[in-house]
C-alpha atoms as a PDB file:
ATOM      1  CA  MET A   1       7.775   1.473   8.260  1.00  0.00           C
ATOM      2  CA  GLY A   2       5.441  -1.154   6.926  1.00  0.00           C
ATOM      3  CA  ARG A   3       5.273  -3.427  10.536  1.00  0.00           C
ATOM      4  CA  MET A   4       4.149   0.074  12.452  1.00  0.00           C
ATOM      5  CA  LEU A   5       1.315   0.296   9.897  1.00  0.00           C
ATOM      6  CA  ILE A   6       0.075  -2.801  10.158  1.00  0.00           C
ATOM      7  CA  GLU A   7       0.260  -2.169  14.005  1.00  0.00           C
ATOM      8  CA  ALA A   8      -1.558   1.003  12.975  1.00  0.00           C
ATOM      9  CA  VAL A   9      -4.241  -0.605  10.890  1.00  0.00           C
ATOM     10  CA  ARG A  10      -4.765  -3.361  13.985  1.00  0.00           C
ATOM     11  CA  ALA A  11      -5.569  -0.747  17.052  1.00  0.00           C
ATOM     12  CA  ALA A  12      -7.253   1.843  14.955  1.00  0.00           C
ATOM     13  CA  ASP A  13     -11.402   0.736  15.142  1.00  0.00           C
ATOM     14  CA  ASP A  14     -12.443   1.748  11.814  1.00  0.00           C
ATOM     15  CA  CYS A  15      -9.622   0.172   9.683  1.00  0.00           C
ATOM     16  CA  GLU A  16      -9.353  -3.599   8.796  1.00  0.00           C
ATOM     17  CA  LEU A  17      -6.047  -4.938   6.964  1.00  0.00           C
ATOM     18  CA  ALA A  18      -6.617  -6.642   3.509  1.00  0.00           C
ATOM     19  CA  GLY A  19      -2.853  -6.332   2.192  1.00  0.00           C
ATOM     20  CA  ALA A  20       0.268  -6.574   2.890  1.00  0.00           C
ATOM     21  CA  LEU A  21       3.044  -6.067  -0.113  1.00  0.00           C
ATOM     22  CA  ASP A  22       6.434  -6.345  -0.311  1.00  0.00           C
ATOM     23  CA  VAL A  23       9.647  -6.534  -3.069  1.00  0.00           C
ATOM     24  CA  ALA A  24       9.518 -10.373  -4.548  1.00  0.00           C
ATOM     25  CA  ALA A  25      12.663 -10.716  -3.260  1.00  0.00           C
ATOM     26  CA  SER A  26      11.636 -10.168   0.376  1.00  0.00           C
ATOM     27  CA  PRO A  27      11.505 -12.948   2.812  1.00  0.00           C
ATOM     28  CA  ALA A  28       8.582 -12.111   4.231  1.00  0.00           C
ATOM     29  CA  VAL A  29       6.962 -13.005   0.625  1.00  0.00           C
ATOM     30  CA  GLY A  30       4.282 -15.608   1.425  1.00  0.00           C
ATOM     31  CA  SER A  31       4.087 -15.128   4.658  1.00  0.00           C
ATOM     32  CA  ASP A  32       1.223 -13.418   7.714  1.00  0.00           C
ATOM     33  CA  ALA A  33       1.184  -9.777   7.264  1.00  0.00           C
ATOM     34  CA  THR A  34       0.788 -10.178  11.444  1.00  0.00           C
ATOM     35  CA  ALA A  35       2.889 -13.039  11.761  1.00  0.00           C
ATOM     36  CA  PHE A  36       5.622 -10.695  13.726  1.00  0.00           C
ATOM     37  CA  LEU A  37       2.682  -9.599  16.477  1.00  0.00           C
ATOM     38  CA  GLY A  38       2.310 -13.618  17.432  1.00  0.00           C
ATOM     39  CA  TYR A  39      -1.112 -13.411  15.488  1.00  0.00           C
ATOM     40  CA  ALA A  40      -2.683 -14.691  11.770  1.00  0.00           C
ATOM     41  CA  SER A  41      -4.507 -11.776  10.011  1.00  0.00           C
ATOM     42  CA  GLY A  42      -5.048 -14.257   7.325  1.00  0.00           C
ATOM     43  CA  VAL A  43      -3.780 -11.887   4.940  1.00  0.00           C
ATOM     44  CA  SER A  44      -0.621 -13.178   3.020  1.00  0.00           C
ATOM     45  CA  ILE A  45       2.361 -10.653   2.101  1.00  0.00           C
ATOM     46  CA  THR A  46       2.513 -10.168  -2.173  1.00  0.00           C
ATOM     47  CA  PRO A  47       4.656  -8.757  -4.090  1.00  0.00           C
ATOM     48  CA  ASP A  48       1.352  -8.481  -6.552  1.00  0.00           C
ATOM     49  CA  LEU A  49      -0.006  -5.292  -6.544  1.00  0.00           C
ATOM     50  CA  HIS A  50      -3.537  -6.724  -7.674  1.00  0.00           C
ATOM     51  CA  ALA A  51      -3.722  -9.527  -5.981  1.00  0.00           C
ATOM     52  CA  GLY A  52      -2.603  -7.296  -2.558  1.00  0.00           C
ATOM     53  CA  LEU A  53      -5.193  -4.536  -3.214  1.00  0.00           C
ATOM     54  CA  LYS A  54      -7.502  -7.147  -4.462  1.00  0.00           C
ATOM     55  CA  ASN A  55     -10.130  -5.768  -1.326  1.00  0.00           C
ATOM     56  CA  ALA A  56      -8.793  -2.659  -0.685  1.00  0.00           C
ATOM     57  CA  GLN A  57     -10.507   0.814  -0.882  1.00  0.00           C
ATOM     58  CA  VAL A  58      -6.914   2.469   0.913  1.00  0.00           C
ATOM     59  CA  LEU A  59      -3.442   1.987   0.077  1.00  0.00           C
ATOM     60  CA  ILE A  60      -0.863   3.645   2.486  1.00  0.00           C
ATOM     61  CA  ASP A  61       2.375   3.919   0.001  1.00  0.00           C
ATOM     62  CA  PHE A  62       4.922   4.721   2.277  1.00  0.00           C
ATOM     63  CA  THR A  63       8.172   3.366  -0.483  1.00  0.00           C
ATOM     64  CA  ARG A  64      10.421   5.839  -3.426  1.00  0.00           C
ATOM     65  CA  PRO A  65       8.902   8.036  -5.405  1.00  0.00           C
ATOM     66  CA  GLU A  66       9.317   5.244  -8.577  1.00  0.00           C
ATOM     67  CA  GLY A  67       7.225   2.853  -6.570  1.00  0.00           C
ATOM     68  CA  THR A  68       4.186   5.507  -5.715  1.00  0.00           C
ATOM     69  CA  LEU A  69       3.642   6.234  -8.640  1.00  0.00           C
ATOM     70  CA  ALA A  70       3.755   2.980 -10.304  1.00  0.00           C
ATOM     71  CA  HIS A  71       1.144   1.987  -7.513  1.00  0.00           C
ATOM     72  CA  LEU A  72      -0.966   4.804  -8.087  1.00  0.00           C
ATOM     73  CA  LYS A  73      -1.545   3.951 -11.655  1.00  0.00           C
ATOM     74  CA  VAL A  74      -2.520   0.719 -10.869  1.00  0.00           C
ATOM     75  CA  CYS A  75      -4.168   2.482  -8.070  1.00  0.00           C
ATOM     76  CA  ARG A  76      -6.248   4.719 -10.438  1.00  0.00           C
ATOM     77  CA  GLU A  77      -7.302   1.589 -12.969  1.00  0.00           C
ATOM     78  CA  LEU A  78      -8.708  -0.210  -9.793  1.00  0.00           C
ATOM     79  CA  GLY A  79     -10.683   2.765  -7.887  1.00  0.00           C
ATOM     80  CA  VAL A  80      -8.340   2.282  -4.721  1.00  0.00           C
ATOM     81  CA  ASN A  81      -7.713   5.500  -2.971  1.00  0.00           C
ATOM     82  CA  VAL A  82      -4.053   6.158  -2.047  1.00  0.00           C
ATOM     83  CA  VAL A  83      -2.566   7.706   1.345  1.00  0.00           C
ATOM     84  CA  ILE A  84       1.129   9.209   0.233  1.00  0.00           C
ATOM     85  CA  GLY A  85       3.788   9.304   3.034  1.00  0.00           C
ATOM     86  CA  THR A  86       6.526   9.202   0.325  1.00  0.00           C
ATOM     87  CA  THR A  87       8.922  12.001  -0.744  1.00  0.00           C
ATOM     88  CA  GLY A  88      11.432  13.582  -2.761  1.00  0.00           C
ATOM     89  CA  PHE A  89       9.141  14.417  -5.616  1.00  0.00           C
ATOM     90  CA  SER A  90      10.293  16.001  -8.795  1.00  0.00           C
ATOM     91  CA  ASP A  91       7.561  18.648 -10.056  1.00  0.00           C
ATOM     92  CA  ALA A  92       6.782  16.497 -12.982  1.00  0.00           C
ATOM     93  CA  GLN A  93       5.980  13.357  -9.987  1.00  0.00           C
ATOM     94  CA  LYS A  94       4.017  15.900  -8.344  1.00  0.00           C
ATOM     95  CA  ALA A  95       2.001  16.834 -11.319  1.00  0.00           C
ATOM     96  CA  ASP A  96       1.246  13.386 -12.041  1.00  0.00           C
ATOM     97  CA  ILE A  97       0.208  12.675  -8.483  1.00  0.00           C
ATOM     98  CA  ALA A  98      -1.932  15.420  -8.907  1.00  0.00           C
ATOM     99  CA  ALA A  99      -3.713  14.202 -12.147  1.00  0.00           C
ATOM    100  CA  ALA A 100      -4.379  11.061 -10.175  1.00  0.00           C
ATOM    101  CA  ALA A 101      -5.854  13.167  -7.431  1.00  0.00           C
ATOM    102  CA  GLU A 102      -8.696  13.644 -10.497  1.00  0.00           C
ATOM    103  CA  ASP A 103      -9.905  10.270 -10.371  1.00  0.00           C
ATOM    104  CA  ILE A 104      -9.220   9.003  -7.058  1.00  0.00           C
ATOM    105  CA  ALA A 105      -8.208  10.209  -3.783  1.00  0.00           C
ATOM    106  CA  SER A 106      -4.177  10.478  -3.296  1.00  0.00           C
END
């Protein structure tokens, strides 16, 4: 999904890739986010959420419910909006998302 999102951002006239995230154990960490497309974007893949969101206005999240909620907490702190593509939230988790939406778009 991450690759598809990067391709979609690259193809959009009104979007710019500001960061790319992956888990710390991923072999992709440290590589250029668009290397798989054959060109360099200057955006390195990082497991550090704060570093990945440094220049972002929006996080597109397609993880797991627990990951999404952890990301949402940091986005709320930083004022970064979130597009959530994750599924499988409990009612309590949905309430957490609704609470965050009072401060940021989610």
